[in-house]
Amino acid sequence: MFDVTIQRGGMLEFETTGIYPEYLLFNLPGTKRNWRIRIKEKPQEEVLKSKGKIVYHYSFDGDSCKNRTVKEDGSLSNWKEPEVMYTEIRD
């Protein structure tokens, strides 16, 4: 199961673009797998890839996030929500 963090802020990017950035950070505990995805819209549904291959689908509605695994045969598991979601505010 993923650890999911919603990361908000970043003064350097805000100063150059005028946009207060938001990202989703996905971390797979016990492995070195992690992803940092920019939140472009809410709701947002995209995929996470590893070595060019789609391994997860995720859905983010602005408050909660859920994901599902792509199985070896190409089918998808049921949607799962993380037990805990973190919010990180950056300067």
PDB file of N, CA and C in Angstrom:
ATOM      1  N   MET A   1       0.848  -1.183   0.000  1.00  0.00           N
ATOM      2  CA  MET A   1       0.000   0.000   0.000  1.00  0.00           C
ATOM      3  C   MET A   1       0.889   1.241   0.000  1.00  0.00           C
ATOM      4  N   PHE A   2       0.479   2.245  -0.702  1.00  0.00           N
ATOM      5  CA  PHE A   2       1.226   3.496  -0.831  1.00  0.00           C
ATOM      6  C   PHE A   2       1.133   4.373   0.412  1.00  0.00           C
ATOM      7  N   ASP A   3       2.182   5.165   0.624  1.00  0.00           N
ATOM      8  CA  ASP A   3       2.108   6.353   1.467  1.00  0.00           C
ATOM      9  C   ASP A   3       1.858   7.484   0.483  1.00  0.00           C
ATOM     10  N   VAL A   4       0.850   8.313   0.732  1.00  0.00           N
ATOM     11  CA  VAL A   4       0.538   9.414  -0.176  1.00  0.00           C
ATOM     12  C   VAL A   4       0.642  10.727   0.584  1.00  0.00           C
ATOM     13  N   THR A   5       1.351  11.676  -0.011  1.00  0.00           N
ATOM     14  CA  THR A   5       1.504  13.007   0.561  1.00  0.00           C
ATOM     15  C   THR A   5       1.042  14.031  -0.461  1.00  0.00           C
ATOM     16  N   ILE A   6       0.221  14.963  -0.013  1.00  0.00           N
ATOM     17  CA  ILE A   6      -0.148  16.101  -0.846  1.00  0.00           C
ATOM     18  C   ILE A   6       0.807  17.213  -0.467  1.00  0.00           C
ATOM     19  N   GLN A   7       1.612  17.653  -1.403  1.00  0.00           N
ATOM     20  CA  GLN A   7       2.614  18.683  -1.142  1.00  0.00           C
ATOM     21  C   GLN A   7       2.136  19.991  -1.763  1.00  0.00           C
ATOM     22  N   ARG A   8       2.019  21.012  -0.944  1.00  0.00           N
ATOM     23  CA  ARG A   8       1.536  22.308  -1.413  1.00  0.00           C
ATOM     24  C   ARG A   8       2.597  23.363  -1.154  1.00  0.00           C
ATOM     25  N   GLY A   9       2.822  24.207  -2.147  1.00  0.00           N
ATOM     26  CA  GLY A   9       3.718  25.340  -1.966  1.00  0.00           C
ATOM     27  C   GLY A   9       5.075  25.153  -2.584  1.00  0.00           C
ATOM     28  N   GLY A  10       5.862  26.175  -2.442  1.00  0.00           N
ATOM     29  CA  GLY A  10       7.202  26.234  -2.991  1.00  0.00           C
ATOM     30  C   GLY A  10       7.434  27.636  -3.514  1.00  0.00           C
ATOM     31  N   MET A  11       8.123  28.442  -2.734  1.00  0.00           N
ATOM     32  CA  MET A  11       8.288  29.855  -3.077  1.00  0.00           C
ATOM     33  C   MET A  11       9.056  30.075  -4.371  1.00  0.00           C
ATOM     34  N   LEU A  12      10.061  29.252  -4.659  1.00  0.00           N
ATOM     35  CA  LEU A  12      10.825  29.453  -5.888  1.00  0.00           C
ATOM     36  C   LEU A  12       9.931  29.352  -7.115  1.00  0.00           C
ATOM     37  N   GLU A  13       9.100  28.338  -7.159  1.00  0.00           N
ATOM     38  CA  GLU A  13       8.205  28.181  -8.304  1.00  0.00           C
ATOM     39  C   GLU A  13       7.146  29.278  -8.320  1.00  0.00           C
ATOM     40  N   PHE A  14       6.639  29.643  -7.162  1.00  0.00           N
ATOM     41  CA  PHE A  14       5.632  30.705  -7.094  1.00  0.00           C
ATOM     42  C   PHE A  14       6.208  32.028  -7.601  1.00  0.00           C
ATOM     43  N   GLU A  15       7.449  32.328  -7.214  1.00  0.00           N
ATOM     44  CA  GLU A  15       8.078  33.576  -7.640  1.00  0.00           C
ATOM     45  C   GLU A  15       8.289  33.633  -9.148  1.00  0.00           C
ATOM     46  N   THR A  16       8.604  32.501  -9.762  1.00  0.00           N
ATOM     47  CA  THR A  16       8.873  32.514 -11.206  1.00  0.00           C
ATOM     48  C   THR A  16       7.619  32.354 -12.048  1.00  0.00           C
ATOM     49  N   THR A  17       6.625  31.612 -11.547  1.00  0.00           N
ATOM     50  CA  THR A  17       5.435  31.344 -12.359  1.00  0.00           C
ATOM     51  C   THR A  17       4.184  32.052 -11.864  1.00  0.00           C
ATOM     52  N   GLY A  18       4.152  32.453 -10.589  1.00  0.00           N
ATOM     53  CA  GLY A  18       2.947  33.046 -10.014  1.00  0.00           C
ATOM     54  C   GLY A  18       1.904  32.013  -9.655  1.00  0.00           C
ATOM     55  N   ILE A  19       2.278  30.736  -9.746  1.00  0.00           N
ATOM     56  CA  ILE A  19       1.362  29.634  -9.436  1.00  0.00           C
ATOM     57  C   ILE A  19       1.844  28.944  -8.168  1.00  0.00           C
ATOM     58  N   TYR A  20       0.928  28.736  -7.236  1.00  0.00           N
ATOM     59  CA  TYR A  20       1.227  28.023  -6.007  1.00  0.00           C
ATOM     60  C   TYR A  20       1.139  26.531  -6.322  1.00  0.00           C
ATOM     61  N   PRO A  21       2.260  25.831  -6.479  1.00  0.00           N
ATOM     62  CA  PRO A  21       2.249  24.454  -6.974  1.00  0.00           C
ATOM     63  C   PRO A  21       1.718  23.441  -5.963  1.00  0.00           C
ATOM     64  N   GLU A  22       1.124  22.377  -6.503  1.00  0.00           N
ATOM     65  CA  GLU A  22       0.663  21.244  -5.696  1.00  0.00           C
ATOM     66  C   GLU A  22       1.130  19.955  -6.371  1.00  0.00           C
ATOM     67  N   TYR A  23       1.582  19.019  -5.552  1.00  0.00           N
ATOM     68  CA  TYR A  23       2.066  17.733  -6.057  1.00  0.00           C
ATOM     69  C   TYR A  23       1.497  16.599  -5.221  1.00  0.00           C
ATOM     70  N   LEU A  24       1.399  15.437  -5.839  1.00  0.00           N
ATOM     71  CA  LEU A  24       1.113  14.191  -5.121  1.00  0.00           C
ATOM     72  C   LEU A  24       2.407  13.415  -5.062  1.00  0.00           C
ATOM     73  N   LEU A  25       2.787  12.987  -3.869  1.00  0.00           N
ATOM     74  CA  LEU A  25       3.975  12.168  -3.685  1.00  0.00           C
ATOM     75  C   LEU A  25       3.526  10.765  -3.307  1.00  0.00           C
ATOM     76  N   PHE A  26       3.883   9.796  -4.131  1.00  0.00           N
ATOM     77  CA  PHE A  26       3.561   8.401  -3.868  1.00  0.00           C
ATOM     78  C   PHE A  26       4.847   7.695  -3.468  1.00  0.00           C
ATOM     79  N   ASN A  27       4.813   6.980  -2.353  1.00  0.00           N
ATOM     80  CA  ASN A  27       5.967   6.235  -1.887  1.00  0.00           C
ATOM     81  C   ASN A  27       5.506   4.814  -1.564  1.00  0.00           C
ATOM     82  N   LEU A  28       6.223   3.852  -2.089  1.00  0.00           N
ATOM     83  CA  LEU A  28       5.919   2.452  -1.818  1.00  0.00           C
ATOM     84  C   LEU A  28       6.877   1.990  -0.727  1.00  0.00           C
ATOM     85  N   PRO A  29       6.411   1.898   0.551  1.00  0.00           N
ATOM     86  CA  PRO A  29       7.296   1.552   1.667  1.00  0.00           C
ATOM     87  C   PRO A  29       8.016   0.225   1.440  1.00  0.00           C
ATOM     88  N   GLY A  30       9.261   0.189   1.879  1.00  0.00           N
ATOM     89  CA  GLY A  30      10.051  -1.037   1.756  1.00  0.00           C
ATOM     90  C   GLY A  30      10.718  -1.183   0.394  1.00  0.00           C
ATOM     91  N   THR A  31      10.477  -0.239  -0.500  1.00  0.00           N
ATOM     92  CA  THR A  31      11.102  -0.262  -1.823  1.00  0.00           C
ATOM     93  C   THR A  31      11.685   1.119  -2.103  1.00  0.00           C
ATOM     94  N   LYS A  32      12.349   1.249  -3.213  1.00  0.00           N
ATOM     95  CA  LYS A  32      12.870   2.551  -3.627  1.00  0.00           C
ATOM     96  C   LYS A  32      11.931   3.218  -4.634  1.00  0.00           C
ATOM     97  N   ARG A  33      10.736   2.692  -4.780  1.00  0.00           N
ATOM     98  CA  ARG A  33       9.783   3.251  -5.736  1.00  0.00           C
ATOM     99  C   ARG A  33       9.067   4.456  -5.139  1.00  0.00           C
ATOM    100  N   ASN A  34       9.131   5.557  -5.867  1.00  0.00           N
ATOM    101  CA  ASN A  34       8.365   6.733  -5.488  1.00  0.00           C
ATOM    102  C   ASN A  34       8.110   7.572  -6.737  1.00  0.00           C
ATOM    103  N   TRP A  35       7.046   8.322  -6.692  1.00  0.00           N
ATOM    104  CA  TRP A  35       6.637   9.163  -7.811  1.00  0.00           C
ATOM    105  C   TRP A  35       6.239  10.530  -7.272  1.00  0.00           C
ATOM    106  N   ARG A  36       6.518  11.579  -8.046  1.00  0.00           N
ATOM    107  CA  ARG A  36       6.096  12.940  -7.720  1.00  0.00           C
ATOM    108  C   ARG A  36       5.325  13.444  -8.930  1.00  0.00           C
ATOM    109  N   ILE A  37       4.031  13.648  -8.751  1.00  0.00           N
ATOM    110  CA  ILE A  37       3.133  14.017  -9.842  1.00  0.00           C
ATOM    111  C   ILE A  37       2.530  15.385  -9.563  1.00  0.00           C
ATOM    112  N   ARG A  38       2.622  16.274 -10.515  1.00  0.00           N
ATOM    113  CA  ARG A  38       2.029  17.600 -10.371  1.00  0.00           C
ATOM    114  C   ARG A  38       0.505  17.500 -10.469  1.00  0.00           C
ATOM    115  N   ILE A  39      -0.193  18.160  -9.562  1.00  0.00           N
ATOM    116  CA  ILE A  39      -1.650  18.212  -9.609  1.00  0.00           C
ATOM    117  C   ILE A  39      -2.024  19.314 -10.589  1.00  0.00           C
ATOM    118  N   LYS A  40      -2.628  18.914 -11.706  1.00  0.00           N
ATOM    119  CA  LYS A  40      -2.989  19.861 -12.755  1.00  0.00           C
ATOM    120  C   LYS A  40      -4.455  20.250 -12.692  1.00  0.00           C
ATOM    121  N   GLU A  41      -5.278  19.316 -12.223  1.00  0.00           N
ATOM    122  CA  GLU A  41      -6.713  19.552 -12.144  1.00  0.00           C
ATOM    123  C   GLU A  41      -7.298  18.663 -11.060  1.00  0.00           C
ATOM    124  N   LYS A  42      -8.497  19.001 -10.641  1.00  0.00           N
ATOM    125  CA  LYS A  42      -9.202  18.198  -9.635  1.00  0.00           C
ATOM    126  C   LYS A  42     -10.611  17.976 -10.159  1.00  0.00           C
ATOM    127  N   PRO A  43     -11.052  16.790 -10.341  1.00  0.00           N
ATOM    128  CA  PRO A  43     -10.361  15.509 -10.108  1.00  0.00           C
ATOM    129  C   PRO A  43      -9.305  15.238 -11.179  1.00  0.00           C
ATOM    130  N   GLN A  44      -8.381  14.360 -10.826  1.00  0.00           N
ATOM    131  CA  GLN A  44      -7.293  13.980 -11.720  1.00  0.00           C
ATOM    132  C   GLN A  44      -7.135  12.469 -11.660  1.00  0.00           C
ATOM    133  N   GLU A  45      -7.064  11.852 -12.821  1.00  0.00           N
ATOM    134  CA  GLU A  45      -6.877  10.412 -12.900  1.00  0.00           C
ATOM    135  C   GLU A  45      -5.758  10.136 -13.895  1.00  0.00           C
ATOM    136  N   GLU A  46      -4.710   9.464 -13.430  1.00  0.00           N
ATOM    137  CA  GLU A  46      -3.548   9.191 -14.282  1.00  0.00           C
ATOM    138  C   GLU A  46      -2.947   7.846 -13.917  1.00  0.00           C
ATOM    139  N   VAL A  47      -1.783   7.567 -14.521  1.00  0.00           N
ATOM    140  CA  VAL A  47      -1.087   6.303 -14.276  1.00  0.00           C
ATOM    141  C   VAL A  47       0.299   6.578 -13.709  1.00  0.00           C
ATOM    142  N   LEU A  48       0.839   5.589 -13.037  1.00  0.00           N
ATOM    143  CA  LEU A  48       2.215   5.621 -12.542  1.00  0.00           C
ATOM    144  C   LEU A  48       2.981   4.534 -13.286  1.00  0.00           C
ATOM    145  N   LYS A  49       4.147   4.893 -13.814  1.00  0.00           N
ATOM    146  CA  LYS A  49       4.935   3.951 -14.603  1.00  0.00           C
ATOM    147  C   LYS A  49       6.230   3.598 -13.892  1.00  0.00           C
ATOM    148  N   SER A  50       6.717   2.406 -14.189  1.00  0.00           N
ATOM    149  CA  SER A  50       8.019   1.961 -13.735  1.00  0.00           C
ATOM    150  C   SER A  50       8.718   1.320 -14.922  1.00  0.00           C
ATOM    151  N   LYS A  51       9.877   1.847 -15.284  1.00  0.00           N
ATOM    152  CA  LYS A  51      10.643   1.361 -16.436  1.00  0.00           C
ATOM    153  C   LYS A  51       9.801   1.390 -17.705  1.00  0.00           C
ATOM    154  N   GLY A  52       8.988   2.435 -17.858  1.00  0.00           N
ATOM    155  CA  GLY A  52       8.178   2.617 -19.059  1.00  0.00           C
ATOM    156  C   GLY A  52       6.893   1.813 -19.105  1.00  0.00           C
ATOM    157  N   LYS A  53       6.642   1.030 -18.075  1.00  0.00           N
ATOM    158  CA  LYS A  53       5.462   0.167 -18.031  1.00  0.00           C
ATOM    159  C   LYS A  53       4.475   0.696 -16.991  1.00  0.00           C
ATOM    160  N   ILE A  54       3.188   0.753 -17.344  1.00  0.00           N
ATOM    161  CA  ILE A  54       2.166   1.203 -16.403  1.00  0.00           C
ATOM    162  C   ILE A  54       1.991   0.143 -15.319  1.00  0.00           C
ATOM    163  N   VAL A  55       2.180   0.552 -14.059  1.00  0.00           N
ATOM    164  CA  VAL A  55       2.070  -0.392 -12.948  1.00  0.00           C
ATOM    165  C   VAL A  55       0.927  -0.045 -11.999  1.00  0.00           C
ATOM    166  N   TYR A  56       0.489   1.226 -11.990  1.00  0.00           N
ATOM    167  CA  TYR A  56      -0.607   1.649 -11.116  1.00  0.00           C
ATOM    168  C   TYR A  56      -1.461   2.698 -11.816  1.00  0.00           C
ATOM    169  N   HIS A  57      -2.718   2.738 -11.465  1.00  0.00           N
ATOM    170  CA  HIS A  57      -3.632   3.820 -11.822  1.00  0.00           C
ATOM    171  C   HIS A  57      -3.979   4.529 -10.515  1.00  0.00           C
ATOM    172  N   TYR A  58      -4.160   5.839 -10.575  1.00  0.00           N
ATOM    173  CA  TYR A  58      -4.598   6.540  -9.378  1.00  0.00           C
ATOM    174  C   TYR A  58      -5.674   7.546  -9.743  1.00  0.00           C
ATOM    175  N   SER A  59      -6.471   7.897  -8.738  1.00  0.00           N
ATOM    176  CA  SER A  59      -7.531   8.885  -8.888  1.00  0.00           C
ATOM    177  C   SER A  59      -7.462   9.813  -7.679  1.00  0.00           C
ATOM    178  N   PHE A  60      -7.427  11.120  -7.951  1.00  0.00           N
ATOM    179  CA  PHE A  60      -7.346  12.123  -6.890  1.00  0.00           C
ATOM    180  C   PHE A  60      -8.474  13.121  -7.099  1.00  0.00           C
ATOM    181  N   ASP A  61      -9.285  13.342  -6.066  1.00  0.00           N
ATOM    182  CA  ASP A  61     -10.449  14.224  -6.215  1.00  0.00           C
ATOM    183  C   ASP A  61     -10.271  15.582  -5.532  1.00  0.00           C
ATOM    184  N   GLY A  62      -9.088  15.860  -5.027  1.00  0.00           N
ATOM    185  CA  GLY A  62      -8.835  17.115  -4.338  1.00  0.00           C
ATOM    186  C   GLY A  62      -8.649  16.929  -2.850  1.00  0.00           C
ATOM    187  N   ASP A  63      -9.281  15.897  -2.290  1.00  0.00           N
ATOM    188  CA  ASP A  63      -9.164  15.603  -0.857  1.00  0.00           C
ATOM    189  C   ASP A  63      -8.643  14.201  -0.590  1.00  0.00           C
ATOM    190  N   SER A  64      -9.051  13.259  -1.404  1.00  0.00           N
ATOM    191  CA  SER A  64      -8.643  11.873  -1.175  1.00  0.00           C
ATOM    192  C   SER A  64      -8.073  11.280  -2.457  1.00  0.00           C
ATOM    193  N   CYS A  65      -7.319  10.222  -2.271  1.00  0.00           N
ATOM    194  CA  CYS A  65      -6.654   9.573  -3.381  1.00  0.00           C
ATOM    195  C   CYS A  65      -6.874   8.070  -3.253  1.00  0.00           C
ATOM    196  N   LYS A  66      -7.058   7.409  -4.371  1.00  0.00           N
ATOM    197  CA  LYS A  66      -7.155   5.956  -4.361  1.00  0.00           C
ATOM    198  C   LYS A  66      -6.340   5.426  -5.527  1.00  0.00           C
ATOM    199  N   ASN A  67      -5.921   4.161  -5.432  1.00  0.00           N
ATOM    200  CA  ASN A  67      -5.108   3.580  -6.496  1.00  0.00           C
ATOM    201  C   ASN A  67      -5.465   2.128  -6.703  1.00  0.00           C
ATOM    202  N   ARG A  68      -5.037   1.624  -7.849  1.00  0.00           N
ATOM    203  CA  ARG A  68      -5.211   0.206  -8.138  1.00  0.00           C
ATOM    204  C   ARG A  68      -4.019  -0.280  -8.944  1.00  0.00           C
ATOM    205  N   THR A  69      -3.716  -1.546  -8.801  1.00  0.00           N
ATOM    206  CA  THR A  69      -2.550  -2.169  -9.408  1.00  0.00           C
ATOM    207  C   THR A  69      -2.904  -2.769 -10.755  1.00  0.00           C
ATOM    208  N   VAL A  70      -1.978  -2.668 -11.700  1.00  0.00           N
ATOM    209  CA  VAL A  70      -2.114  -3.362 -12.974  1.00  0.00           C
ATOM    210  C   VAL A  70      -1.486  -4.737 -12.776  1.00  0.00           C
ATOM    211  N   LYS A  71      -2.285  -5.781 -12.937  1.00  0.00           N
ATOM    212  CA  LYS A  71      -1.798  -7.147 -12.732  1.00  0.00           C
ATOM    213  C   LYS A  71      -1.009  -7.612 -13.949  1.00  0.00           C
ATOM    214  N   GLU A  72      -0.315  -8.741 -13.802  1.00  0.00           N
ATOM    215  CA  GLU A  72       0.503  -9.300 -14.885  1.00  0.00           C
ATOM    216  C   GLU A  72      -0.287  -9.549 -16.166  1.00  0.00           C
ATOM    217  N   ASP A  73      -1.557  -9.954 -16.032  1.00  0.00           N
ATOM    218  CA  ASP A  73      -2.376 -10.232 -17.219  1.00  0.00           C
ATOM    219  C   ASP A  73      -3.009  -8.968 -17.805  1.00  0.00           C
ATOM    220  N   GLY A  74      -2.692  -7.803 -17.234  1.00  0.00           N
ATOM    221  CA  GLY A  74      -3.209  -6.536 -17.743  1.00  0.00           C
ATOM    222  C   GLY A  74      -4.506  -6.083 -17.096  1.00  0.00           C
ATOM    223  N   SER A  75      -5.114  -6.943 -16.283  1.00  0.00           N
ATOM    224  CA  SER A  75      -6.344  -6.551 -15.591  1.00  0.00           C
ATOM    225  C   SER A  75      -5.994  -5.647 -14.409  1.00  0.00           C
ATOM    226  N   LEU A  76      -7.001  -5.005 -13.857  1.00  0.00           N
ATOM    227  CA  LEU A  76      -6.794  -4.060 -12.760  1.00  0.00           C
ATOM    228  C   LEU A  76      -7.392  -4.587 -11.462  1.00  0.00           C
ATOM    229  N   SER A  77      -6.713  -4.321 -10.360  1.00  0.00           N
ATOM    230  CA  SER A  77      -7.250  -4.694  -9.046  1.00  0.00           C
ATOM    231  C   SER A  77      -8.358  -3.715  -8.676  1.00  0.00           C
ATOM    232  N   ASN A  78      -9.006  -3.958  -7.556  1.00  0.00           N
ATOM    233  CA  ASN A  78     -10.025  -3.026  -7.052  1.00  0.00           C
ATOM    234  C   ASN A  78      -9.341  -1.771  -6.526  1.00  0.00           C
ATOM    235  N   TRP A  79     -10.093  -0.662  -6.516  1.00  0.00           N
ATOM    236  CA  TRP A  79      -9.560   0.591  -5.977  1.00  0.00           C
ATOM    237  C   TRP A  79      -9.293   0.435  -4.483  1.00  0.00           C
ATOM    238  N   LYS A  80      -8.167   0.976  -4.020  1.00  0.00           N
ATOM    239  CA  LYS A  80      -7.816   0.964  -2.603  1.00  0.00           C
ATOM    240  C   LYS A  80      -7.428   2.378  -2.194  1.00  0.00           C
ATOM    241  N   GLU A  81      -7.814   2.751  -0.983  1.00  0.00           N
ATOM    242  CA  GLU A  81      -7.419   4.047  -0.438  1.00  0.00           C
ATOM    243  C   GLU A  81      -6.293   3.830   0.553  1.00  0.00           C
ATOM    244  N   PRO A  82      -5.347   4.772   0.627  1.00  0.00           N
ATOM    245  CA  PRO A  82      -4.275   4.631   1.622  1.00  0.00           C
ATOM    246  C   PRO A  82      -4.842   4.760   3.026  1.00  0.00           C
ATOM    247  N   GLU A  83      -4.206   4.099   3.978  1.00  0.00           N
ATOM    248  CA  GLU A  83      -4.660   4.193   5.365  1.00  0.00           C
ATOM    249  C   GLU A  83      -4.489   5.606   5.898  1.00  0.00           C
ATOM    250  N   VAL A  84      -3.415   6.276   5.473  1.00  0.00           N
ATOM    251  CA  VAL A  84      -3.121   7.627   5.936  1.00  0.00           C
ATOM    252  C   VAL A  84      -2.653   8.454   4.744  1.00  0.00           C
ATOM    253  N   MET A  85      -3.134   9.689   4.683  1.00  0.00           N
ATOM    254  CA  MET A  85      -2.628  10.641   3.700  1.00  0.00           C
ATOM    255  C   MET A  85      -2.053  11.824   4.470  1.00  0.00           C
ATOM    256  N   TYR A  86      -0.904  12.296   4.034  1.00  0.00           N
ATOM    257  CA  TYR A  86      -0.229  13.410   4.670  1.00  0.00           C
ATOM    258  C   TYR A  86      -0.393  14.669   3.825  1.00  0.00           C
ATOM    259  N   THR A  87      -0.360  15.817   4.460  1.00  0.00           N
ATOM    260  CA  THR A  87      -0.312  17.090   3.754  1.00  0.00           C
ATOM    261  C   THR A  87       0.926  17.821   4.209  1.00  0.00           C
ATOM    262  N   GLU A  88       1.697  18.282   3.237  1.00  0.00           N
ATOM    263  CA  GLU A  88       2.948  18.977   3.524  1.00  0.00           C
ATOM    264  C   GLU A  88       2.854  20.380   2.912  1.00  0.00           C
ATOM    265  N   ILE A  89       3.076  21.388   3.720  1.00  0.00           N
ATOM    266  CA  ILE A  89       3.064  22.770   3.257  1.00  0.00           C
ATOM    267  C   ILE A  89       4.511  23.238   3.207  1.00  0.00           C
ATOM    268  N   ARG A  90       4.939  23.742   2.039  1.00  0.00           N
ATOM    269  CA  ARG A  90       6.321  24.196   1.878  1.00  0.00           C
ATOM    270  C   ARG A  90       6.374  25.690   1.683  1.00  0.00           C
ATOM    271  N   ASP A  91       7.450  26.293   2.151  1.00  0.00           N
ATOM    272  CA  ASP A  91       7.684  27.729   1.945  1.00  0.00           C
ATOM    273  C   ASP A  91       8.339  27.958   0.613  1.00  0.00           C
TER     274      ASP A  91
END
